[in-house]
Amino acid sequence: PRRTAENGGGCCVTTPAGLEASGLYVGLVGHARTRPRRHRLAYRIFMLLIDLDELPGLRALKTFGVGRPALFGFDPARHGDGSDRPLKAQVEGHLAAAGLAYGGPIRVLAMPQILGRAFNPLTVYFCHGADGDLSAVLYEVNNTFGERHSYLIPAPKDAGRAAMFRQACAKEFYVSPFMDMDLSYAFRILRPDERVMVAVEVSDADGLLLSASFAGQRRALSDRALLKAWISHPWMTLGVLAAIQVEALKIWLKGEKIRRRPPPPPQALTVAPQAKLAA
């Protein structure tokens, strides 16, 4: 069975049944470095929202592979601990160990694999309890040195079903060679619906250093929508990693010094304390 959905432009497209929560978000990534040397960039990308309970339904897409070669794809083994243990079970294990509610949907916002290639600087997991309320957000960070670290942050107490909310944590993991370690992150999140937004501000003791965000509009997740998004964003085939390296070269040419890379944290997960921040 298949169902009909709006593609965001008023035209109906056919998508496999069982993909009620999963979707495609087309939008803009922006970065703005404020000091010591200003640097800005913006580019269009598309991201997937994948409900981990809907992975079987994704296999009905002709252009999409789950852990197998295809034009587009999502490989759970490229996330979490990289094992063959189900990704949802891994995340629920983290939630249980942290004393947080689980048992509801876990929805993953990430860029897809394209022609078998993928690099996600940030993957965001929206974790829900059995009552459907948001329990926590897990931010999975990859750096360009092949290392990965995750931050698990409880949802603010008043954000169970709120559209917009904020979170914060201290930086524990080396990401950019042009950023120090003694920094903090402040996240502003618009939960996935017709739109989604993930914004992060990076600050030191003197204030804001960098702001970055993705804001996108939802499209139905279908073969047609994926192909249209790919044609509209051909540079994504080259990969985000290449774009990051080009921007790093530009920053270096502006005279920014490179920071020494410390060893990764001994634990692959940091559980941040709950902080109540106004939306």
C-alpha atoms as a PDB file:
ATOM      1  CA  PRO A   1       0.000   0.000   0.000  1.00  0.00           C
ATOM      2  CA  ARG A   2       1.070   3.561  -0.766  1.00  0.00           C
ATOM      3  CA  ARG A   3      -0.230   6.921   0.308  1.00  0.00           C
ATOM      4  CA  THR A   4      -0.497  10.376  -1.217  1.00  0.00           C
ATOM      5  CA  ALA A   5       1.153  13.393   0.385  1.00  0.00           C
ATOM      6  CA  GLU A   6       1.814  17.019  -0.397  1.00  0.00           C
ATOM      7  CA  ASN A   7       5.330  17.749  -1.632  1.00  0.00           C
ATOM      8  CA  GLY A   8       5.379  21.261  -0.202  1.00  0.00           C
ATOM      9  CA  GLY A   9       4.579  22.927  -3.503  1.00  0.00           C
ATOM     10  CA  GLY A  10       0.946  21.986  -3.777  1.00  0.00           C
ATOM     11  CA  CYS A  11       1.493  18.910  -5.953  1.00  0.00           C
ATOM     12  CA  CYS A  12       0.616  15.494  -4.660  1.00  0.00           C
ATOM     13  CA  VAL A  13       3.212  12.728  -4.816  1.00  0.00           C
ATOM     14  CA  THR A  14       3.045   9.068  -3.927  1.00  0.00           C
ATOM     15  CA  THR A  15       5.084   7.826  -0.983  1.00  0.00           C
ATOM     16  CA  PRO A  16       5.303   4.380   0.566  1.00  0.00           C
ATOM     17  CA  ALA A  17       2.871   3.658   3.378  1.00  0.00           C
ATOM     18  CA  GLY A  18       4.381   3.635   6.831  1.00  0.00           C
ATOM     19  CA  LEU A  19       6.398   6.844   6.415  1.00  0.00           C
ATOM     20  CA  GLU A  20       4.098   9.116   8.376  1.00  0.00           C
ATOM     21  CA  ALA A  21       6.881  10.792  10.394  1.00  0.00           C
ATOM     22  CA  SER A  22       9.900  10.499   8.100  1.00  0.00           C
ATOM     23  CA  GLY A  23      10.412  13.282   5.582  1.00  0.00           C
ATOM     24  CA  LEU A  24      12.751  15.380   3.479  1.00  0.00           C
ATOM     25  CA  TYR A  25      13.795  18.916   4.449  1.00  0.00           C
ATOM     26  CA  VAL A  26      15.215  21.308   1.872  1.00  0.00           C
ATOM     27  CA  GLY A  27      16.830  24.427   3.235  1.00  0.00           C
ATOM     28  CA  LEU A  28      19.822  26.590   4.008  1.00  0.00           C
ATOM     29  CA  VAL A  29      22.931  26.097   6.129  1.00  0.00           C
ATOM     30  CA  GLY A  30      24.586  29.235   7.438  1.00  0.00           C
ATOM     31  CA  HIS A  31      27.803  29.835   9.374  1.00  0.00           C
ATOM     32  CA  ALA A  32      28.980  33.159  10.759  1.00  0.00           C
ATOM     33  CA  ARG A  33      32.280  33.482  12.611  1.00  0.00           C
ATOM     34  CA  THR A  34      32.422  36.753  14.511  1.00  0.00           C
ATOM     35  CA  ARG A  35      35.998  36.915  15.798  1.00  0.00           C
ATOM     36  CA  PRO A  36      38.916  37.157  15.830  1.00  0.00           C
ATOM     37  CA  ARG A  37      38.448  37.207  12.043  1.00  0.00           C
ATOM     38  CA  ARG A  38      35.026  37.378  10.438  1.00  0.00           C
ATOM     39  CA  HIS A  39      34.040  34.610   8.064  1.00  0.00           C
ATOM     40  CA  ARG A  40      30.616  33.812   6.631  1.00  0.00           C
ATOM     41  CA  LEU A  41      29.188  31.153   4.366  1.00  0.00           C
ATOM     42  CA  ALA A  42      25.765  29.903   3.339  1.00  0.00           C
ATOM     43  CA  TYR A  43      24.700  27.080   1.056  1.00  0.00           C
ATOM     44  CA  ARG A  44      21.620  25.043   0.298  1.00  0.00           C
ATOM     45  CA  ILE A  45      21.356  21.397   1.290  1.00  0.00           C
ATOM     46  CA  PHE A  46      18.692  18.803   1.950  1.00  0.00           C
ATOM     47  CA  MET A  47      18.379  16.574   4.969  1.00  0.00           C
ATOM     48  CA  LEU A  48      16.317  13.563   5.935  1.00  0.00           C
ATOM     49  CA  LEU A  49      14.206  13.069   9.014  1.00  0.00           C
ATOM     50  CA  ILE A  50      14.115   9.333   9.656  1.00  0.00           C
ATOM     51  CA  ASP A  51      11.885   7.768  12.260  1.00  0.00           C
ATOM     52  CA  LEU A  52      13.901   4.697  13.239  1.00  0.00           C
ATOM     53  CA  ASP A  53      10.681   2.682  13.524  1.00  0.00           C
ATOM     54  CA  GLU A  54      10.015   3.449   9.846  1.00  0.00           C
ATOM     55  CA  LEU A  55      13.264   2.026   8.453  1.00  0.00           C
ATOM     56  CA  PRO A  56      11.424  -0.974   6.906  1.00  0.00           C
ATOM     57  CA  GLY A  57       9.166   1.416   4.979  1.00  0.00           C
ATOM     58  CA  LEU A  58      12.185   3.221   3.521  1.00  0.00           C
ATOM     59  CA  ARG A  59      13.154   0.009   1.752  1.00  0.00           C
ATOM     60  CA  ALA A  60      10.103   0.458  -0.500  1.00  0.00           C
ATOM     61  CA  LEU A  61      11.785   3.473  -2.132  1.00  0.00           C
ATOM     62  CA  LYS A  62      13.523   2.468  -5.385  1.00  0.00           C
ATOM     63  CA  THR A  63      16.321   5.037  -5.074  1.00  0.00           C
ATOM     64  CA  PHE A  64      16.974   4.596  -1.355  1.00  0.00           C
ATOM     65  CA  GLY A  65      18.995   1.969   0.469  1.00  0.00           C
ATOM     66  CA  VAL A  66      19.123   1.184   4.172  1.00  0.00           C
ATOM     67  CA  GLY A  67      22.580  -0.218   4.813  1.00  0.00           C
ATOM     68  CA  ARG A  68      22.996  -1.203   1.147  1.00  0.00           C
ATOM     69  CA  PRO A  69      24.271   0.480  -2.036  1.00  0.00           C
ATOM     70  CA  ALA A  70      21.800   2.854  -3.692  1.00  0.00           C
ATOM     71  CA  LEU A  71      21.676   6.345  -5.144  1.00  0.00           C
ATOM     72  CA  PHE A  72      20.570   7.650  -1.738  1.00  0.00           C
ATOM     73  CA  GLY A  73      20.830   5.925   1.584  1.00  0.00           C
ATOM     74  CA  PHE A  74      21.041   5.789   5.330  1.00  0.00           C
ATOM     75  CA  ASP A  75      23.420   3.363   6.990  1.00  0.00           C
ATOM     76  CA  PRO A  76      22.796   2.920  10.731  1.00  0.00           C
ATOM     77  CA  ALA A  77      26.310   1.471  11.072  1.00  0.00           C
ATOM     78  CA  ARG A  78      27.713   4.922  10.270  1.00  0.00           C
ATOM     79  CA  HIS A  79      26.080   6.282  13.388  1.00  0.00           C
ATOM     80  CA  GLY A  80      26.133   5.445  17.075  1.00  0.00           C
ATOM     81  CA  ASP A  81      28.898   3.033  18.048  1.00  0.00           C
ATOM     82  CA  GLY A  82      29.229   1.707  14.498  1.00  0.00           C
ATOM     83  CA  SER A  83      28.130  -1.790  15.468  1.00  0.00           C
ATOM     84  CA  ASP A  84      25.316  -3.903  14.051  1.00  0.00           C
ATOM     85  CA  ARG A  85      23.247  -3.342  17.199  1.00  0.00           C
ATOM     86  CA  PRO A  86      20.009  -1.566  16.206  1.00  0.00           C
ATOM     87  CA  LEU A  87      20.514   2.185  16.381  1.00  0.00           C
ATOM     88  CA  LYS A  88      17.301   2.759  18.312  1.00  0.00           C
ATOM     89  CA  ALA A  89      18.388   0.246  20.955  1.00  0.00           C
ATOM     90  CA  GLN A  90      21.691   2.082  21.322  1.00  0.00           C
ATOM     91  CA  VAL A  91      19.986   5.437  21.867  1.00  0.00           C
ATOM     92  CA  GLU A  92      17.428   3.967  24.258  1.00  0.00           C
ATOM     93  CA  GLY A  93      20.302   2.441  26.219  1.00  0.00           C
ATOM     94  CA  HIS A  94      21.790   5.915  26.646  1.00  0.00           C
ATOM     95  CA  LEU A  95      18.422   7.311  27.723  1.00  0.00           C
ATOM     96  CA  ALA A  96      17.889   4.526  30.247  1.00  0.00           C
ATOM     97  CA  ALA A  97      21.381   4.913  31.718  1.00  0.00           C
ATOM     98  CA  ALA A  98      20.766   8.652  32.122  1.00  0.00           C
ATOM     99  CA  GLY A  99      17.417   8.069  33.827  1.00  0.00           C
ATOM    100  CA  LEU A 100      15.476   9.670  30.963  1.00  0.00           C
ATOM    101  CA  ALA A 101      12.156   8.558  29.517  1.00  0.00           C
ATOM    102  CA  TYR A 102      12.162   6.389  26.406  1.00  0.00           C
ATOM    103  CA  GLY A 103       9.848   4.009  24.581  1.00  0.00           C
ATOM    104  CA  GLY A 104       8.510   6.488  22.034  1.00  0.00           C
ATOM    105  CA  PRO A 105       9.749   7.509  18.579  1.00  0.00           C
ATOM    106  CA  ILE A 106      13.374   8.380  17.913  1.00  0.00           C
ATOM    107  CA  ARG A 107      13.686  10.608  14.853  1.00  0.00           C
ATOM    108  CA  VAL A 108      17.029  11.321  13.231  1.00  0.00           C
ATOM    109  CA  LEU A 109      17.818  14.491  11.289  1.00  0.00           C
ATOM    110  CA  ALA A 110      20.799  13.816   9.023  1.00  0.00           C
ATOM    111  CA  MET A 111      22.108  14.269   5.519  1.00  0.00           C
ATOM    112  CA  PRO A 112      21.650  11.199   3.325  1.00  0.00           C
ATOM    113  CA  GLN A 113      24.335   9.123   1.750  1.00  0.00           C
ATOM    114  CA  ILE A 114      24.659   9.999  -1.933  1.00  0.00           C
ATOM    115  CA  LEU A 115      26.309   7.399  -4.172  1.00  0.00           C
ATOM    116  CA  GLY A 116      27.497   5.677  -1.011  1.00  0.00           C
ATOM    117  CA  ARG A 117      29.217   8.767   0.398  1.00  0.00           C
ATOM    118  CA  ALA A 118      28.202  10.737   3.460  1.00  0.00           C
ATOM    119  CA  PHE A 119      29.682  12.989   6.101  1.00  0.00           C
ATOM    120  CA  ASN A 120      27.442  14.409   8.808  1.00  0.00           C
ATOM    121  CA  PRO A 121      29.152  17.033  10.968  1.00  0.00           C
ATOM    122  CA  LEU A 122      26.037  16.979  13.161  1.00  0.00           C
ATOM    123  CA  THR A 123      23.265  14.404  13.396  1.00  0.00           C
ATOM    124  CA  VAL A 124      20.343  15.269  15.683  1.00  0.00           C
ATOM    125  CA  TYR A 125      18.213  12.615  17.392  1.00  0.00           C
ATOM    126  CA  PHE A 126      14.819  13.698  18.755  1.00  0.00           C
ATOM    127  CA  CYS A 127      14.058  11.193  21.533  1.00  0.00           C
ATOM    128  CA  HIS A 128      10.509  10.731  22.858  1.00  0.00           C
ATOM    129  CA  GLY A 129       9.074   8.942  25.838  1.00  0.00           C
ATOM    130  CA  ALA A 130       6.239   6.438  25.662  1.00  0.00           C
ATOM    131  CA  ASP A 131       3.778   9.291  26.238  1.00  0.00           C
ATOM    132  CA  GLY A 132       4.960  11.009  23.043  1.00  0.00           C
ATOM    133  CA  ASP A 133       6.613  13.934  24.815  1.00  0.00           C
ATOM    134  CA  LEU A 134      10.141  14.914  23.901  1.00  0.00           C
ATOM    135  CA  SER A 135      12.486  13.429  26.497  1.00  0.00           C
ATOM    136  CA  ALA A 136      15.905  14.484  25.229  1.00  0.00           C
ATOM    137  CA  VAL A 137      17.938  15.436  22.199  1.00  0.00           C
ATOM    138  CA  LEU A 138      21.122  13.593  21.281  1.00  0.00           C
ATOM    139  CA  TYR A 139      23.631  15.578  19.221  1.00  0.00           C
ATOM    140  CA  GLU A 140      26.070  13.280  17.404  1.00  0.00           C
ATOM    141  CA  VAL A 141      29.182  15.146  16.236  1.00  0.00           C
ATOM    142  CA  ASN A 142      31.738  13.912  13.697  1.00  0.00           C
ATOM    143  CA  ASN A 143      35.010  15.706  13.072  1.00  0.00           C
ATOM    144  CA  THR A 144      37.179  15.470   9.966  1.00  0.00           C
ATOM    145  CA  PHE A 145      39.680  13.205  11.759  1.00  0.00           C
ATOM    146  CA  GLY A 146      37.308  10.233  11.811  1.00  0.00           C
ATOM    147  CA  GLU A 147      36.289  10.743  15.455  1.00  0.00           C
ATOM    148  CA  ARG A 148      32.766  10.871  16.866  1.00  0.00           C
ATOM    149  CA  HIS A 149      31.245  12.101  20.109  1.00  0.00           C
ATOM    150  CA  SER A 150      27.673  12.617  21.268  1.00  0.00           C
ATOM    151  CA  TYR A 151      25.975  14.962  23.706  1.00  0.00           C
ATOM    152  CA  LEU A 152      22.736  13.810  25.344  1.00  0.00           C
ATOM    153  CA  ILE A 153      20.763  16.770  26.694  1.00  0.00           C
ATOM    154  CA  PRO A 154      17.449  16.363  28.557  1.00  0.00           C
ATOM    155  CA  ALA A 155      14.589  18.373  27.129  1.00  0.00           C
ATOM    156  CA  PRO A 156      13.588  21.384  29.217  1.00  0.00           C
ATOM    157  CA  LYS A 157      10.753  20.451  31.559  1.00  0.00           C
ATOM    158  CA  ASP A 158       8.334  22.752  29.764  1.00  0.00           C
ATOM    159  CA  ALA A 159       9.317  21.587  26.248  1.00  0.00           C
ATOM    160  CA  GLY A 160       7.535  18.230  26.115  1.00  0.00           C
ATOM    161  CA  ARG A 161       5.395  19.249  23.164  1.00  0.00           C
ATOM    162  CA  ALA A 162       6.642  22.788  22.564  1.00  0.00           C
ATOM    163  CA  ALA A 163       7.588  23.699  18.996  1.00  0.00           C
ATOM    164  CA  MET A 164      10.637  25.783  19.961  1.00  0.00           C
ATOM    165  CA  PHE A 165      13.038  25.216  22.835  1.00  0.00           C
ATOM    166  CA  ARG A 166      16.644  25.817  23.887  1.00  0.00           C
ATOM    167  CA  GLN A 167      19.413  23.643  25.300  1.00  0.00           C
ATOM    168  CA  ALA A 168      23.029  24.137  26.310  1.00  0.00           C
ATOM    169  CA  CYS A 169      26.180  22.210  27.181  1.00  0.00           C
ATOM    170  CA  ALA A 170      29.930  22.615  27.500  1.00  0.00           C
ATOM    171  CA  LYS A 171      32.183  21.608  24.611  1.00  0.00           C
ATOM    172  CA  GLU A 172      33.997  18.317  25.278  1.00  0.00           C
ATOM    173  CA  PHE A 173      35.106  17.219  21.797  1.00  0.00           C
ATOM    174  CA  TYR A 174      37.589  18.684  19.298  1.00  0.00           C
ATOM    175  CA  VAL A 175      35.851  19.647  16.069  1.00  0.00           C
ATOM    176  CA  SER A 176      37.449  22.554  14.216  1.00  0.00           C
ATOM    177  CA  PRO A 177      41.227  23.158  14.191  1.00  0.00           C
ATOM    178  CA  PHE A 178      40.423  26.874  14.421  1.00  0.00           C
ATOM    179  CA  MET A 179      38.412  26.704  17.661  1.00  0.00           C
ATOM    180  CA  ASP A 180      39.567  26.311  21.263  1.00  0.00           C
ATOM    181  CA  MET A 181      38.245  23.653  23.616  1.00  0.00           C
ATOM    182  CA  ASP A 182      37.131  25.898  26.495  1.00  0.00           C
ATOM    183  CA  LEU A 183      33.825  26.785  24.841  1.00  0.00           C
ATOM    184  CA  SER A 184      30.104  26.327  25.350  1.00  0.00           C
ATOM    185  CA  TYR A 185      27.229  25.451  23.023  1.00  0.00           C
ATOM    186  CA  ALA A 186      23.752  26.983  23.093  1.00  0.00           C
ATOM    187  CA  PHE A 187      21.171  25.257  20.881  1.00  0.00           C
ATOM    188  CA  ARG A 188      17.881  26.658  19.609  1.00  0.00           C
ATOM    189  CA  ILE A 189      15.599  24.022  18.135  1.00  0.00           C
ATOM    190  CA  LEU A 190      12.407  24.161  16.113  1.00  0.00           C
ATOM    191  CA  ARG A 191      11.069  20.615  16.256  1.00  0.00           C
ATOM    192  CA  PRO A 192      10.471  18.912  12.903  1.00  0.00           C
ATOM    193  CA  ASP A 193       7.031  19.600  11.481  1.00  0.00           C
ATOM    194  CA  GLU A 194       6.321  21.610   8.336  1.00  0.00           C
ATOM    195  CA  ARG A 195       9.612  23.341   9.108  1.00  0.00           C
ATOM    196  CA  VAL A 196      12.679  22.437  11.100  1.00  0.00           C
ATOM    197  CA  MET A 197      15.553  24.480  12.496  1.00  0.00           C
ATOM    198  CA  VAL A 198      18.698  23.584  14.406  1.00  0.00           C
ATOM    199  CA  ALA A 199      20.821  26.570  15.425  1.00  0.00           C
ATOM    200  CA  VAL A 200      23.911  26.566  17.619  1.00  0.00           C
ATOM    201  CA  GLU A 201      25.897  29.409  19.112  1.00  0.00           C
ATOM    202  CA  VAL A 202      29.476  28.756  20.201  1.00  0.00           C
ATOM    203  CA  SER A 203      30.804  31.080  22.894  1.00  0.00           C
ATOM    204  CA  ASP A 204      33.819  31.619  25.119  1.00  0.00           C
ATOM    205  CA  ALA A 205      34.201  33.713  28.256  1.00  0.00           C
ATOM    206  CA  ASP A 206      34.113  36.896  26.155  1.00  0.00           C
ATOM    207  CA  GLY A 207      30.935  36.052  24.241  1.00  0.00           C
ATOM    208  CA  LEU A 208      29.821  34.737  20.871  1.00  0.00           C
ATOM    209  CA  LEU A 209      32.435  33.265  18.529  1.00  0.00           C
ATOM    210  CA  LEU A 210      30.401  31.360  15.953  1.00  0.00           C
ATOM    211  CA  SER A 211      26.792  30.783  15.001  1.00  0.00           C
ATOM    212  CA  ALA A 212      25.610  28.024  12.685  1.00  0.00           C
ATOM    213  CA  SER A 213      22.178  26.850  11.649  1.00  0.00           C
ATOM    214  CA  PHE A 214      20.085  24.728   9.322  1.00  0.00           C
ATOM    215  CA  ALA A 215      16.520  25.735   8.500  1.00  0.00           C
ATOM    216  CA  GLY A 216      14.444  23.667   6.103  1.00  0.00           C
ATOM    217  CA  GLN A 217      10.969  23.161   4.679  1.00  0.00           C
ATOM    218  CA  ARG A 218       9.398  19.714   4.695  1.00  0.00           C
ATOM    219  CA  ARG A 219       8.792  17.695   1.540  1.00  0.00           C
ATOM    220  CA  ALA A 220       7.244  14.266   1.206  1.00  0.00           C
ATOM    221  CA  LEU A 221       9.864  11.531   1.271  1.00  0.00           C
ATOM    222  CA  SER A 222       9.534   9.899  -2.145  1.00  0.00           C
ATOM    223  CA  ASP A 223      11.749   8.831  -5.033  1.00  0.00           C
ATOM    224  CA  ARG A 224      10.574  11.846  -7.011  1.00  0.00           C
ATOM    225  CA  ALA A 225      11.328  14.291  -4.188  1.00  0.00           C
ATOM    226  CA  LEU A 226      14.770  12.807  -3.578  1.00  0.00           C
ATOM    227  CA  LEU A 227      15.707  13.020  -7.266  1.00  0.00           C
ATOM    228  CA  LYS A 228      14.433  16.592  -7.503  1.00  0.00           C
ATOM    229  CA  ALA A 229      16.427  17.603  -4.417  1.00  0.00           C
ATOM    230  CA  TRP A 230      19.567  15.948  -5.778  1.00  0.00           C
ATOM    231  CA  ILE A 231      19.291  17.696  -9.147  1.00  0.00           C
ATOM    232  CA  SER A 232      18.774  21.000  -7.334  1.00  0.00           C
ATOM    233  CA  HIS A 233      21.833  20.467  -5.117  1.00  0.00           C
ATOM    234  CA  PRO A 234      24.461  18.829  -7.362  1.00  0.00           C
ATOM    235  CA  TRP A 235      27.388  19.903  -5.173  1.00  0.00           C
ATOM    236  CA  MET A 236      26.198  17.542  -2.437  1.00  0.00           C
ATOM    237  CA  THR A 237      27.514  14.665  -4.558  1.00  0.00           C
ATOM    238  CA  LEU A 238      31.019  16.043  -3.959  1.00  0.00           C
ATOM    239  CA  GLY A 239      30.336  15.847  -0.260  1.00  0.00           C
ATOM    240  CA  VAL A 240      30.168  18.139   2.711  1.00  0.00           C
ATOM    241  CA  LEU A 241      33.659  17.050   3.747  1.00  0.00           C
ATOM    242  CA  ALA A 242      35.153  18.685   0.633  1.00  0.00           C
ATOM    243  CA  ALA A 243      33.219  21.882   1.332  1.00  0.00           C
ATOM    244  CA  ILE A 244      34.501  21.930   4.928  1.00  0.00           C
ATOM    245  CA  GLN A 245      38.081  21.570   3.745  1.00  0.00           C
ATOM    246  CA  VAL A 246      37.691  24.432   1.276  1.00  0.00           C
ATOM    247  CA  GLU A 247      36.294  26.699   3.979  1.00  0.00           C
ATOM    248  CA  ALA A 248      39.092  25.669   6.363  1.00  0.00           C
ATOM    249  CA  LEU A 249      41.630  26.739   3.753  1.00  0.00           C
ATOM    250  CA  LYS A 250      39.926  30.131   3.448  1.00  0.00           C
ATOM    251  CA  ILE A 251      40.034  30.638   7.212  1.00  0.00           C
ATOM    252  CA  TRP A 252      43.704  29.629   7.344  1.00  0.00           C
ATOM    253  CA  LEU A 253      44.532  32.088   4.542  1.00  0.00           C
ATOM    254  CA  LYS A 254      42.918  34.834   6.634  1.00  0.00           C
ATOM    255  CA  GLY A 255      45.614  34.162   9.241  1.00  0.00           C
ATOM    256  CA  GLU A 256      43.723  32.097  11.804  1.00  0.00           C
ATOM    257  CA  LYS A 257      46.030  29.823  13.810  1.00  0.00           C
ATOM    258  CA  ILE A 258      45.518  26.069  14.070  1.00  0.00           C
ATOM    259  CA  ARG A 259      44.848  24.608  17.515  1.00  0.00           C
ATOM    260  CA  ARG A 260      46.479  21.370  18.593  1.00  0.00           C
ATOM    261  CA  ARG A 261      44.104  18.402  18.602  1.00  0.00           C
ATOM    262  CA  PRO A 262      43.746  16.774  22.042  1.00  0.00           C
ATOM    263  CA  PRO A 263      42.806  13.113  22.515  1.00  0.00           C
ATOM    264  CA  PRO A 264      39.062  12.428  22.244  1.00  0.00           C
ATOM    265  CA  PRO A 265      37.088  12.079  25.487  1.00  0.00           C
ATOM    266  CA  PRO A 266      37.449   8.640  27.121  1.00  0.00           C
ATOM    267  CA  GLN A 267      33.675   8.160  26.875  1.00  0.00           C
ATOM    268  CA  ALA A 268      31.819   8.432  23.552  1.00  0.00           C
ATOM    269  CA  LEU A 269      28.851  10.141  25.212  1.00  0.00           C
ATOM    270  CA  THR A 270      28.528  13.226  27.385  1.00  0.00           C
ATOM    271  CA  VAL A 271      25.284  13.536  29.353  1.00  0.00           C
ATOM    272  CA  ALA A 272      24.654  17.226  29.960  1.00  0.00           C
ATOM    273  CA  PRO A 273      22.694  18.477  32.954  1.00  0.00           C
ATOM    274  CA  GLN A 274      19.221  19.800  32.319  1.00  0.00           C
ATOM    275  CA  ALA A 275      19.075  23.561  31.958  1.00  0.00           C
ATOM    276  CA  LYS A 276      15.899  25.578  31.714  1.00  0.00           C
ATOM    277  CA  LEU A 277      16.326  28.234  29.060  1.00  0.00           C
ATOM    278  CA  ALA A 278      13.616  30.494  27.708  1.00  0.00           C
ATOM    279  CA  ALA A 279      12.594  29.915  24.078  1.00  0.00           C
END
